[in-house]
Amino acid sequence: MAPVKKVSFAHFLEKFPEIELPITLTDELVKDFSQNNSPFPLPMVEQFILPMEPEEMDEYTEFIPCFLLPATMDFYAIVYWRGGLMDYQYIMATYSKKGELIDRRVLAGTYSDGQALVRSVATIEDDWIIYVVSGKTAANDPTYDASTSNAFNLELLATGQIINSN
């Protein structure tokens, strides 16, 4: 079996087009990313994505490159989408200029815990504040109950760290 060819960090970053902020991450937006951005080759996923993922990849898991945040200066901030069975997430990862992981955070998505369907939407503003709103619907009743909503803020710091800012 031939050894897996190493992928350069620069080639990995090329998968992420730079976008203008603000942007709102919704379940529907991933379709645009999947149509407009070329997919990750498996060696790229194995080298740059899987080492930071807390869950194993299975045959149903897919990753889609979304975008690169502009004007980050001393680090890179990317957003990618991870899709699995009833678990879809937009994830921000920050890297040093050398390609070393600084931080990783789930920003938005949809998942089922068996009892409820939880949906989150995130807006990344041009000042790097990330507004997140999350809500639940019961598995046996699709009616949305606004009292289940939860809102919080994250902030992307100049160091590349992603912190809670509430």
N, C-alpha and C. Protein backbone atom coordinates (compact mmCIF):
# COMPACT_ATOMS: atom_id res chain seq x y z
N MET A 1 0.85 -1.19 0.00
CA MET A 1 0.00 0.00 0.00
C MET A 1 0.89 1.24 0.00
N ALA A 2 0.62 2.16 -0.89
CA ALA A 2 1.43 3.37 -1.01
C ALA A 2 1.14 4.31 0.16
N PRO A 3 2.16 5.02 0.64
CA PRO A 3 1.93 5.97 1.74
C PRO A 3 1.03 7.11 1.26
N VAL A 4 0.24 7.63 2.19
CA VAL A 4 -0.66 8.73 1.87
C VAL A 4 0.18 9.99 1.65
N LYS A 5 -0.10 10.68 0.56
CA LYS A 5 0.64 11.89 0.23
C LYS A 5 0.20 13.02 1.15
N LYS A 6 1.16 13.74 1.70
CA LYS A 6 0.86 14.88 2.56
C LYS A 6 0.31 16.03 1.71
N VAL A 7 -0.65 16.73 2.27
CA VAL A 7 -1.26 17.88 1.62
C VAL A 7 -0.71 19.12 2.30
N SER A 8 -0.38 20.14 1.54
CA SER A 8 0.13 21.37 2.16
C SER A 8 -1.02 22.14 2.80
N PHE A 9 -0.69 22.88 3.85
CA PHE A 9 -1.68 23.70 4.52
C PHE A 9 -2.21 24.77 3.56
N ALA A 10 -1.34 25.31 2.72
CA ALA A 10 -1.76 26.32 1.73
C ALA A 10 -2.80 25.73 0.78
N HIS A 11 -2.62 24.48 0.37
CA HIS A 11 -3.58 23.83 -0.52
C HIS A 11 -4.92 23.62 0.20
N PHE A 12 -4.86 23.27 1.48
CA PHE A 12 -6.06 23.14 2.30
C PHE A 12 -6.83 24.46 2.34
N LEU A 13 -6.13 25.57 2.58
CA LEU A 13 -6.78 26.88 2.66
C LEU A 13 -7.42 27.30 1.35
N GLU A 14 -6.87 26.82 0.22
CA GLU A 14 -7.43 27.16 -1.09
C GLU A 14 -8.86 26.66 -1.25
N LYS A 15 -9.29 25.70 -0.45
CA LYS A 15 -10.65 25.18 -0.52
C LYS A 15 -11.68 26.16 0.04
N PHE A 16 -11.20 27.18 0.74
CA PHE A 16 -12.09 28.11 1.44
C PHE A 16 -12.04 29.49 0.80
N PRO A 17 -13.06 29.87 0.03
CA PRO A 17 -13.07 31.22 -0.53
C PRO A 17 -13.26 32.26 0.57
N GLU A 18 -12.58 33.38 0.44
CA GLU A 18 -12.76 34.46 1.40
C GLU A 18 -14.11 35.12 1.13
N ILE A 19 -14.84 35.43 2.19
CA ILE A 19 -16.17 36.04 2.04
C ILE A 19 -16.22 37.39 2.74
N GLU A 20 -17.25 38.13 2.43
CA GLU A 20 -17.50 39.40 3.13
C GLU A 20 -18.43 39.12 4.31
N LEU A 21 -18.17 39.79 5.40
CA LEU A 21 -19.04 39.69 6.57
C LEU A 21 -19.99 40.87 6.57
N PRO A 22 -21.16 40.76 7.15
CA PRO A 22 -21.66 39.64 7.96
C PRO A 22 -22.20 38.50 7.09
N ILE A 23 -22.31 37.33 7.73
CA ILE A 23 -22.91 36.17 7.10
C ILE A 23 -23.73 35.43 8.15
N THR A 24 -24.87 34.90 7.74
CA THR A 24 -25.71 34.12 8.64
C THR A 24 -25.71 32.67 8.19
N LEU A 25 -25.35 31.79 9.10
CA LEU A 25 -25.23 30.36 8.82
C LEU A 25 -26.54 29.66 9.15
N THR A 26 -27.21 29.16 8.10
CA THR A 26 -28.48 28.46 8.25
C THR A 26 -28.37 27.08 7.61
N ASP A 27 -29.33 26.22 7.90
CA ASP A 27 -29.35 24.89 7.29
C ASP A 27 -29.41 24.98 5.77
N GLU A 28 -30.11 25.96 5.24
CA GLU A 28 -30.28 26.08 3.80
C GLU A 28 -29.02 26.55 3.09
N LEU A 29 -28.17 27.30 3.76
CA LEU A 29 -26.99 27.89 3.14
C LEU A 29 -25.96 26.84 2.71
N VAL A 30 -25.94 25.70 3.36
CA VAL A 30 -24.94 24.68 3.03
C VAL A 30 -25.08 24.23 1.57
N LYS A 31 -26.27 24.30 1.03
CA LYS A 31 -26.46 23.93 -0.39
C LYS A 31 -25.61 24.81 -1.30
N ASP A 32 -25.56 26.11 -1.00
CA ASP A 32 -24.73 27.03 -1.79
C ASP A 32 -23.25 26.66 -1.69
N PHE A 33 -22.81 26.35 -0.48
CA PHE A 33 -21.40 25.99 -0.31
C PHE A 33 -21.06 24.70 -1.06
N SER A 34 -21.96 23.73 -1.00
CA SER A 34 -21.68 22.45 -1.66
C SER A 34 -21.69 22.59 -3.18
N GLN A 35 -22.46 23.52 -3.71
CA GLN A 35 -22.51 23.73 -5.16
C GLN A 35 -21.35 24.58 -5.67
N ASN A 36 -20.87 25.52 -4.85
CA ASN A 36 -19.86 26.47 -5.31
C ASN A 36 -18.44 26.15 -4.90
N ASN A 37 -18.24 25.35 -3.89
CA ASN A 37 -16.90 25.04 -3.41
C ASN A 37 -16.55 23.60 -3.74
N SER A 38 -15.33 23.38 -4.20
CA SER A 38 -14.94 22.02 -4.53
C SER A 38 -14.78 21.21 -3.25
N PRO A 39 -15.11 19.92 -3.30
CA PRO A 39 -15.07 19.09 -2.09
C PRO A 39 -13.64 18.82 -1.62
N PHE A 40 -13.54 18.44 -0.36
CA PHE A 40 -12.24 18.04 0.20
C PHE A 40 -11.85 16.68 -0.35
N PRO A 41 -10.61 16.51 -0.80
CA PRO A 41 -10.13 15.15 -1.06
C PRO A 41 -9.94 14.43 0.29
N LEU A 42 -10.10 13.12 0.30
CA LEU A 42 -9.99 12.36 1.54
C LEU A 42 -8.67 12.61 2.29
N PRO A 43 -7.51 12.65 1.61
CA PRO A 43 -6.27 12.92 2.36
C PRO A 43 -6.30 14.25 3.11
N MET A 44 -6.99 15.25 2.56
CA MET A 44 -7.10 16.55 3.21
C MET A 44 -7.96 16.44 4.47
N VAL A 45 -9.06 15.70 4.38
CA VAL A 45 -9.92 15.48 5.55
C VAL A 45 -9.13 14.76 6.63
N GLU A 46 -8.41 13.72 6.25
CA GLU A 46 -7.64 12.93 7.22
C GLU A 46 -6.54 13.75 7.88
N GLN A 47 -5.93 14.65 7.14
CA GLN A 47 -4.80 15.41 7.68
C GLN A 47 -5.23 16.63 8.49
N PHE A 48 -6.25 17.36 8.03
CA PHE A 48 -6.58 18.65 8.66
C PHE A 48 -7.89 18.68 9.43
N ILE A 49 -8.85 17.82 9.10
CA ILE A 49 -10.16 17.89 9.75
C ILE A 49 -10.30 16.85 10.86
N LEU A 50 -10.05 15.59 10.54
CA LEU A 50 -10.29 14.52 11.51
C LEU A 50 -9.48 14.64 12.81
N PRO A 51 -8.24 15.12 12.79
CA PRO A 51 -7.51 15.22 14.06
C PRO A 51 -8.17 16.13 15.10
N MET A 52 -9.00 17.07 14.67
CA MET A 52 -9.64 17.97 15.64
C MET A 52 -11.09 17.62 15.90
N GLU A 53 -11.61 16.61 15.21
CA GLU A 53 -13.00 16.22 15.38
C GLU A 53 -13.16 15.32 16.61
N PRO A 54 -14.10 15.64 17.50
CA PRO A 54 -14.30 14.83 18.69
C PRO A 54 -14.99 13.49 18.41
N GLU A 55 -15.67 13.40 17.27
CA GLU A 55 -16.40 12.17 16.94
C GLU A 55 -15.75 11.50 15.73
N GLU A 56 -15.84 10.19 15.70
CA GLU A 56 -15.30 9.42 14.58
C GLU A 56 -16.10 9.70 13.31
N MET A 57 -15.45 9.59 12.19
CA MET A 57 -16.12 9.70 10.90
C MET A 57 -16.63 8.32 10.53
N ASP A 58 -17.88 8.25 10.03
CA ASP A 58 -18.40 6.98 9.54
C ASP A 58 -18.77 7.14 8.07
N GLU A 59 -19.38 6.12 7.50
CA GLU A 59 -19.69 6.17 6.06
C GLU A 59 -20.74 7.23 5.71
N TYR A 60 -21.43 7.78 6.70
CA TYR A 60 -22.45 8.79 6.46
C TYR A 60 -21.93 10.22 6.65
N THR A 61 -20.72 10.36 7.15
CA THR A 61 -20.17 11.68 7.45
C THR A 61 -19.59 12.32 6.21
N GLU A 62 -19.91 13.59 6.04
CA GLU A 62 -19.29 14.35 4.95
C GLU A 62 -18.88 15.72 5.47
N PHE A 63 -17.90 16.29 4.80
CA PHE A 63 -17.38 17.61 5.16
C PHE A 63 -17.42 18.49 3.93
N ILE A 64 -17.86 19.74 4.10
CA ILE A 64 -17.92 20.69 3.00
C ILE A 64 -17.18 21.96 3.42
N PRO A 65 -16.19 22.39 2.63
CA PRO A 65 -15.54 23.67 2.93
C PRO A 65 -16.52 24.81 2.68
N CYS A 66 -16.58 25.77 3.59
CA CYS A 66 -17.52 26.88 3.44
C CYS A 66 -16.79 28.17 3.08
N PHE A 67 -16.01 28.73 4.02
CA PHE A 67 -15.36 30.00 3.73
C PHE A 67 -14.21 30.28 4.69
N LEU A 68 -13.43 31.30 4.30
CA LEU A 68 -12.32 31.83 5.08
C LEU A 68 -12.71 33.24 5.51
N LEU A 69 -12.54 33.56 6.78
CA LEU A 69 -12.85 34.92 7.23
C LEU A 69 -11.77 35.87 6.73
N PRO A 70 -12.17 37.09 6.32
CA PRO A 70 -11.19 38.05 5.82
C PRO A 70 -10.46 38.78 6.94
N ALA A 71 -9.30 39.30 6.62
CA ALA A 71 -8.55 40.24 7.47
C ALA A 71 -8.25 39.73 8.87
N THR A 72 -7.85 38.48 8.99
CA THR A 72 -7.53 37.95 10.32
C THR A 72 -6.07 38.18 10.73
N MET A 73 -5.24 38.64 9.85
CA MET A 73 -3.85 39.06 10.09
C MET A 73 -2.94 37.95 10.59
N ASP A 74 -2.98 37.61 11.89
CA ASP A 74 -1.99 36.70 12.48
C ASP A 74 -2.44 35.25 12.53
N PHE A 75 -3.60 34.94 11.98
CA PHE A 75 -4.10 33.57 11.99
C PHE A 75 -5.09 33.42 10.83
N TYR A 76 -5.52 32.19 10.61
CA TYR A 76 -6.56 31.91 9.62
C TYR A 76 -7.79 31.40 10.36
N ALA A 77 -8.96 31.82 9.92
CA ALA A 77 -10.22 31.34 10.49
C ALA A 77 -11.06 30.79 9.35
N ILE A 78 -11.36 29.50 9.41
CA ILE A 78 -12.16 28.84 8.38
C ILE A 78 -13.47 28.37 8.99
N VAL A 79 -14.46 28.18 8.14
CA VAL A 79 -15.71 27.54 8.56
C VAL A 79 -15.97 26.41 7.58
N TYR A 80 -16.24 25.24 8.13
CA TYR A 80 -16.62 24.09 7.32
C TYR A 80 -17.89 23.48 7.90
N TRP A 81 -18.54 22.65 7.11
CA TRP A 81 -19.78 22.00 7.51
C TRP A 81 -19.50 20.52 7.66
N ARG A 82 -20.00 19.94 8.75
CA ARG A 82 -19.91 18.50 8.98
C ARG A 82 -21.32 17.96 8.99
N GLY A 83 -21.58 16.97 8.15
CA GLY A 83 -22.90 16.36 8.10
C GLY A 83 -22.81 14.89 8.42
N GLY A 84 -23.70 14.45 9.27
CA GLY A 84 -23.82 13.04 9.63
C GLY A 84 -25.30 12.70 9.77
N LEU A 85 -25.59 11.56 10.35
CA LEU A 85 -26.98 11.17 10.56
C LEU A 85 -27.62 12.04 11.63
N MET A 86 -28.57 12.86 11.21
CA MET A 86 -29.31 13.77 12.10
C MET A 86 -28.37 14.65 12.94
N ASP A 87 -27.24 15.02 12.36
CA ASP A 87 -26.28 15.89 13.05
C ASP A 87 -25.53 16.69 11.99
N TYR A 88 -25.90 17.96 11.86
CA TYR A 88 -25.32 18.85 10.85
C TYR A 88 -24.76 20.07 11.56
N GLN A 89 -23.47 20.37 11.35
CA GLN A 89 -22.84 21.45 12.10
C GLN A 89 -21.97 22.33 11.22
N TYR A 90 -22.05 23.64 11.47
CA TYR A 90 -21.05 24.58 10.95
C TYR A 90 -20.00 24.73 12.03
N ILE A 91 -18.76 24.54 11.67
CA ILE A 91 -17.67 24.56 12.63
C ILE A 91 -16.64 25.59 12.20
N MET A 92 -16.23 26.43 13.14
CA MET A 92 -15.14 27.36 12.89
C MET A 92 -13.88 26.78 13.50
N ALA A 93 -12.81 26.81 12.73
CA ALA A 93 -11.49 26.39 13.23
C ALA A 93 -10.52 27.51 12.92
N THR A 94 -9.64 27.78 13.87
CA THR A 94 -8.62 28.80 13.65
C THR A 94 -7.25 28.13 13.71
N TYR A 95 -6.37 28.63 12.85
CA TYR A 95 -5.02 28.08 12.72
C TYR A 95 -4.00 29.19 12.74
N SER A 96 -2.81 28.87 13.26
CA SER A 96 -1.69 29.80 13.18
C SER A 96 -1.25 29.90 11.72
N LYS A 97 -0.41 30.84 11.42
CA LYS A 97 0.11 30.99 10.05
C LYS A 97 0.92 29.76 9.64
N LYS A 98 1.40 28.98 10.62
CA LYS A 98 2.16 27.75 10.35
C LYS A 98 1.24 26.54 10.15
N GLY A 99 -0.07 26.74 10.34
CA GLY A 99 -1.01 25.64 10.15
C GLY A 99 -1.32 24.86 11.41
N GLU A 100 -0.95 25.39 12.57
CA GLU A 100 -1.24 24.72 13.84
C GLU A 100 -2.61 25.16 14.35
N LEU A 101 -3.41 24.18 14.79
CA LEU A 101 -4.75 24.47 15.29
C LEU A 101 -4.67 25.35 16.54
N ILE A 102 -5.44 26.44 16.55
CA ILE A 102 -5.55 27.31 17.72
C ILE A 102 -6.82 26.99 18.49
N ASP A 103 -7.95 26.94 17.78
CA ASP A 103 -9.23 26.72 18.46
C ASP A 103 -10.24 26.13 17.46
N ARG A 104 -11.31 25.58 17.99
CA ARG A 104 -12.38 24.98 17.20
C ARG A 104 -13.68 25.14 17.98
N ARG A 105 -14.75 25.52 17.26
CA ARG A 105 -16.04 25.70 17.94
C ARG A 105 -17.17 25.45 16.96
N VAL A 106 -18.19 24.72 17.40
CA VAL A 106 -19.42 24.56 16.63
C VAL A 106 -20.18 25.88 16.75
N LEU A 107 -20.60 26.42 15.59
CA LEU A 107 -21.31 27.70 15.58
C LEU A 107 -22.81 27.53 15.42
N ALA A 108 -23.23 26.63 14.54
CA ALA A 108 -24.64 26.48 14.22
C ALA A 108 -24.88 25.09 13.66
N GLY A 109 -26.16 24.74 13.52
CA GLY A 109 -26.49 23.46 12.91
C GLY A 109 -27.79 22.90 13.44
N THR A 110 -27.97 21.62 13.15
CA THR A 110 -29.18 20.90 13.57
C THR A 110 -28.77 19.52 14.03
N TYR A 111 -29.33 19.09 15.16
CA TYR A 111 -29.10 17.72 15.60
C TYR A 111 -30.31 17.23 16.39
N SER A 112 -30.40 15.91 16.47
CA SER A 112 -31.47 15.30 17.25
C SER A 112 -30.84 14.57 18.43
N ASP A 113 -31.41 14.79 19.61
CA ASP A 113 -30.94 14.05 20.79
C ASP A 113 -31.88 12.88 21.10
N GLY A 114 -32.78 12.56 20.16
CA GLY A 114 -33.74 11.49 20.35
C GLY A 114 -35.07 11.98 20.92
N GLN A 115 -35.02 13.04 21.70
CA GLN A 115 -36.23 13.61 22.29
C GLN A 115 -36.66 14.89 21.58
N ALA A 116 -35.69 15.61 21.04
CA ALA A 116 -35.98 16.90 20.42
C ALA A 116 -35.05 17.13 19.24
N LEU A 117 -35.49 18.01 18.37
CA LEU A 117 -34.67 18.48 17.27
C LEU A 117 -34.18 19.87 17.67
N VAL A 118 -32.88 20.05 17.72
CA VAL A 118 -32.28 21.31 18.14
C VAL A 118 -31.67 21.99 16.91
N ARG A 119 -32.09 23.23 16.68
CA ARG A 119 -31.57 24.00 15.55
C ARG A 119 -30.91 25.26 16.07
N SER A 120 -29.76 25.59 15.47
CA SER A 120 -29.06 26.82 15.81
C SER A 120 -28.70 27.56 14.54
N VAL A 121 -28.79 28.87 14.61
CA VAL A 121 -28.40 29.76 13.52
C VAL A 121 -27.37 30.72 14.10
N ALA A 122 -26.33 31.02 13.31
CA ALA A 122 -25.30 31.94 13.79
C ALA A 122 -25.06 33.02 12.75
N THR A 123 -24.85 34.24 13.24
CA THR A 123 -24.47 35.36 12.37
C THR A 123 -23.09 35.83 12.81
N ILE A 124 -22.16 35.85 11.86
CA ILE A 124 -20.81 36.34 12.12
C ILE A 124 -20.76 37.77 11.60
N GLU A 125 -20.54 38.71 12.50
CA GLU A 125 -20.49 40.13 12.13
C GLU A 125 -19.06 40.52 11.73
N ASP A 126 -18.93 41.69 11.11
CA ASP A 126 -17.61 42.11 10.67
C ASP A 126 -16.67 42.51 11.81
N ASP A 127 -17.19 42.63 13.03
CA ASP A 127 -16.34 42.88 14.20
C ASP A 127 -15.98 41.58 14.93
N TRP A 128 -16.27 40.43 14.27
CA TRP A 128 -15.97 39.09 14.75
C TRP A 128 -16.79 38.65 15.97
N ILE A 129 -17.89 39.34 16.20
CA ILE A 129 -18.86 38.87 17.19
C ILE A 129 -19.77 37.90 16.46
N ILE A 130 -20.06 36.78 17.11
CA ILE A 130 -20.90 35.74 16.52
C ILE A 130 -22.15 35.60 17.39
N TYR A 131 -23.29 35.91 16.80
CA TYR A 131 -24.56 35.83 17.51
C TYR A 131 -25.20 34.48 17.18
N VAL A 132 -25.54 33.72 18.21
CA VAL A 132 -26.10 32.39 18.02
C VAL A 132 -27.46 32.33 18.70
N VAL A 133 -28.44 31.80 17.97
CA VAL A 133 -29.77 31.55 18.53
C VAL A 133 -30.08 30.08 18.29
N SER A 134 -30.53 29.41 19.34
CA SER A 134 -30.80 27.98 19.29
C SER A 134 -32.19 27.73 19.84
N GLY A 135 -32.89 26.78 19.24
CA GLY A 135 -34.23 26.43 19.71
C GLY A 135 -34.52 24.96 19.50
N LYS A 136 -35.54 24.45 20.19
CA LYS A 136 -35.89 23.03 20.14
C LYS A 136 -37.32 22.85 19.68
N THR A 137 -37.55 21.72 19.02
CA THR A 137 -38.91 21.25 18.78
C THR A 137 -38.94 19.80 19.25
N ALA A 138 -40.01 19.42 19.90
CA ALA A 138 -40.14 18.05 20.39
C ALA A 138 -40.23 17.08 19.22
N ALA A 139 -39.66 15.90 19.38
CA ALA A 139 -39.66 14.90 18.31
C ALA A 139 -41.08 14.50 17.91
N ASN A 140 -41.99 14.48 18.88
CA ASN A 140 -43.37 14.07 18.59
C ASN A 140 -44.30 15.24 18.29
N ASP A 141 -43.79 16.49 18.35
CA ASP A 141 -44.60 17.67 18.07
C ASP A 141 -43.72 18.71 17.38
N PRO A 142 -43.85 18.87 16.06
CA PRO A 142 -42.98 19.78 15.32
C PRO A 142 -43.26 21.27 15.54
N THR A 143 -44.21 21.61 16.41
CA THR A 143 -44.52 23.00 16.69
C THR A 143 -43.38 23.64 17.48
N TYR A 144 -42.88 24.74 16.98
CA TYR A 144 -41.77 25.43 17.65
C TYR A 144 -42.28 26.20 18.86
N ASP A 145 -41.59 26.05 19.96
CA ASP A 145 -41.92 26.76 21.20
C ASP A 145 -40.82 27.78 21.46
N ALA A 146 -41.13 29.06 21.30
CA ALA A 146 -40.13 30.12 21.45
C ALA A 146 -39.50 30.14 22.84
N SER A 147 -40.19 29.60 23.84
CA SER A 147 -39.62 29.60 25.20
C SER A 147 -38.41 28.66 25.31
N THR A 148 -38.22 27.81 24.30
CA THR A 148 -37.05 26.92 24.33
C THR A 148 -35.82 27.57 23.70
N SER A 149 -35.98 28.79 23.18
CA SER A 149 -34.86 29.47 22.53
C SER A 149 -33.80 29.88 23.53
N ASN A 150 -32.58 29.85 23.03
CA ASN A 150 -31.44 30.26 23.82
C ASN A 150 -30.56 31.10 22.91
N ALA A 151 -30.16 32.27 23.36
CA ALA A 151 -29.30 33.14 22.56
C ALA A 151 -28.01 33.40 23.34
N PHE A 152 -26.90 33.39 22.63
CA PHE A 152 -25.62 33.73 23.26
C PHE A 152 -24.68 34.28 22.20
N ASN A 153 -23.60 34.86 22.66
CA ASN A 153 -22.62 35.45 21.77
C ASN A 153 -21.27 34.77 21.94
N LEU A 154 -20.58 34.64 20.84
CA LEU A 154 -19.19 34.20 20.84
C LEU A 154 -18.37 35.35 20.26
N GLU A 155 -17.08 35.33 20.53
CA GLU A 155 -16.21 36.34 19.95
C GLU A 155 -14.93 35.69 19.48
N LEU A 156 -14.53 36.05 18.29
CA LEU A 156 -13.25 35.61 17.74
C LEU A 156 -12.23 36.67 18.11
N LEU A 157 -11.26 36.28 18.94
CA LEU A 157 -10.25 37.22 19.40
C LEU A 157 -9.11 37.35 18.37
N ALA A 158 -8.31 38.40 18.52
CA ALA A 158 -7.18 38.65 17.61
C ALA A 158 -6.12 37.56 17.74
N THR A 159 -6.21 36.73 18.78
CA THR A 159 -5.28 35.61 18.96
C THR A 159 -5.73 34.35 18.24
N GLY A 160 -6.98 34.37 17.73
CA GLY A 160 -7.55 33.19 17.09
C GLY A 160 -8.39 32.36 18.03
N GLN A 161 -8.47 32.73 19.29
CA GLN A 161 -9.32 32.00 20.23
C GLN A 161 -10.77 32.41 20.02
N ILE A 162 -11.67 31.46 20.25
CA ILE A 162 -13.11 31.69 20.13
C ILE A 162 -13.68 31.57 21.54
N ILE A 163 -14.22 32.66 22.08
CA ILE A 163 -14.67 32.66 23.46
C ILE A 163 -16.15 33.01 23.56
N ASN A 164 -16.78 32.61 24.68
CA ASN A 164 -18.13 33.07 25.00
C ASN A 164 -18.00 34.52 25.42
N SER A 165 -18.88 35.38 24.93
CA SER A 165 -18.75 36.80 25.29
C SER A 165 -19.97 37.36 26.00
N ASN A 166 -20.84 36.50 26.51
CA ASN A 166 -22.00 36.98 27.28
C ASN A 166 -21.61 37.17 28.72
